Amino acid sequence: MTRIPFLRPAYDALSAYGWLFIGPVPPPERRPPLTGPAPLHPERLCPQRPLTAAEHALARQLRG
């Protein structure tokens, strides 16, 4: 495969020109780890009830 020698400098020039308008990409947000449902989520608003038989079976499957 032959390379065309002017393509890389042209790409670099266009890329640098584009950065003038876009600017640097901001770093990704650092979010705190999830600790459960949000404060006003329905699971936090209802009182704690014992698990049903189906919920116990699901919990056993998840634990392994």
C-alpha atoms as a PDB file:
ATOM      1  CA  MET A   1       0.000   0.000   0.000  1.00  0.00           C
ATOM      2  CA  THR A   2       1.476   3.312  -0.993  1.00  0.00           C
ATOM      3  CA  ARG A   3       1.106   6.310   1.244  1.00  0.00           C
ATOM      4  CA  ILE A   4       0.384   9.734  -0.062  1.00  0.00           C
ATOM      5  CA  PRO A   5       2.966  11.975   1.649  1.00  0.00           C
ATOM      6  CA  PHE A   6       0.828  15.119   1.940  1.00  0.00           C
ATOM      7  CA  LEU A   7      -2.145  13.538   3.725  1.00  0.00           C
ATOM      8  CA  ARG A   8      -0.647  13.371   7.223  1.00  0.00           C
ATOM      9  CA  PRO A   9       0.454  17.049   7.344  1.00  0.00           C
ATOM     10  CA  ALA A  10      -2.913  18.071   5.877  1.00  0.00           C
ATOM     11  CA  TYR A  11      -4.720  16.048   8.558  1.00  0.00           C
ATOM     12  CA  ASP A  12      -2.568  17.571  11.314  1.00  0.00           C
ATOM     13  CA  ALA A  13      -3.208  21.098   9.996  1.00  0.00           C
ATOM     14  CA  LEU A  14      -6.976  20.569   9.792  1.00  0.00           C
ATOM     15  CA  SER A  15      -7.024  18.984  13.222  1.00  0.00           C
ATOM     16  CA  ALA A  16      -5.159  21.936  14.757  1.00  0.00           C
ATOM     17  CA  TYR A  17      -7.513  24.350  12.976  1.00  0.00           C
ATOM     18  CA  GLY A  18     -10.522  22.478  14.363  1.00  0.00           C
ATOM     19  CA  TRP A  19      -9.193  22.658  17.934  1.00  0.00           C
ATOM     20  CA  LEU A  20      -9.360  26.448  17.688  1.00  0.00           C
ATOM     21  CA  PHE A  21     -13.139  26.243  17.511  1.00  0.00           C
ATOM     22  CA  ILE A  22     -13.816  23.186  19.667  1.00  0.00           C
ATOM     23  CA  GLY A  23     -11.289  23.717  22.424  1.00  0.00           C
ATOM     24  CA  PRO A  24      -9.861  21.022  24.659  1.00  0.00           C
ATOM     25  CA  VAL A  25     -12.096  18.163  25.727  1.00  0.00           C
ATOM     26  CA  PRO A  26     -13.001  18.465  29.436  1.00  0.00           C
ATOM     27  CA  PRO A  27     -11.937  15.628  31.718  1.00  0.00           C
ATOM     28  CA  PRO A  28     -14.641  13.064  32.553  1.00  0.00           C
ATOM     29  CA  GLU A  29     -16.781  13.776  35.592  1.00  0.00           C
ATOM     30  CA  ARG A  30     -15.828  12.015  38.778  1.00  0.00           C
ATOM     31  CA  ARG A  31     -19.016  10.889  40.436  1.00  0.00           C
ATOM     32  CA  PRO A  32     -19.278   9.454  43.930  1.00  0.00           C
ATOM     33  CA  PRO A  33     -19.893   5.697  44.106  1.00  0.00           C
ATOM     34  CA  LEU A  34     -23.511   4.571  44.161  1.00  0.00           C
ATOM     35  CA  THR A  35     -24.761   3.766  47.644  1.00  0.00           C
ATOM     36  CA  GLY A  36     -28.376   2.913  46.913  1.00  0.00           C
ATOM     37  CA  PRO A  37     -31.513   4.622  45.632  1.00  0.00           C
ATOM     38  CA  ALA A  38     -31.681   8.412  45.461  1.00  0.00           C
ATOM     39  CA  PRO A  39     -33.021  10.274  48.536  1.00  0.00           C
ATOM     40  CA  LEU A  40     -36.623  10.588  47.263  1.00  0.00           C
ATOM     41  CA  HIS A  41     -36.750   7.221  45.488  1.00  0.00           C
ATOM     42  CA  PRO A  42     -39.889   5.197  46.367  1.00  0.00           C
ATOM     43  CA  GLU A  43     -37.772   2.432  47.916  1.00  0.00           C
ATOM     44  CA  ARG A  44     -36.440   4.923  50.470  1.00  0.00           C
ATOM     45  CA  LEU A  45     -39.881   6.404  51.163  1.00  0.00           C
ATOM     46  CA  CYS A  46     -41.701   3.167  51.995  1.00  0.00           C
ATOM     47  CA  PRO A  47     -41.059   1.426  55.322  1.00  0.00           C
ATOM     48  CA  GLN A  48     -38.828  -1.643  55.354  1.00  0.00           C
ATOM     49  CA  ARG A  49     -40.854  -4.811  54.882  1.00  0.00           C
ATOM     50  CA  PRO A  50     -39.679  -8.400  54.956  1.00  0.00           C
ATOM     51  CA  LEU A  51     -38.817  -9.954  51.599  1.00  0.00           C
ATOM     52  CA  THR A  52     -41.373 -12.108  49.821  1.00  0.00           C
ATOM     53  CA  ALA A  53     -40.578 -15.693  48.832  1.00  0.00           C
ATOM     54  CA  ALA A  54     -39.827 -14.602  45.260  1.00  0.00           C
ATOM     55  CA  GLU A  55     -37.499 -11.845  46.515  1.00  0.00           C
ATOM     56  CA  HIS A  56     -35.693 -14.336  48.773  1.00  0.00           C
ATOM     57  CA  ALA A  57     -35.187 -16.643  45.772  1.00  0.00           C
ATOM     58  CA  LEU A  58     -33.798 -13.776  43.710  1.00  0.00           C
ATOM     59  CA  ALA A  59     -31.460 -12.757  46.540  1.00  0.00           C
ATOM     60  CA  ARG A  60     -30.158 -16.334  46.776  1.00  0.00           C
ATOM     61  CA  GLN A  61     -29.496 -16.381  43.016  1.00  0.00           C
ATOM     62  CA  LEU A  62     -27.606 -13.113  43.187  1.00  0.00           C
ATOM     63  CA  ARG A  63     -25.432 -14.243  46.088  1.00  0.00           C
ATOM     64  CA  GLY A  64     -24.538 -17.464  44.320  1.00  0.00           C
END
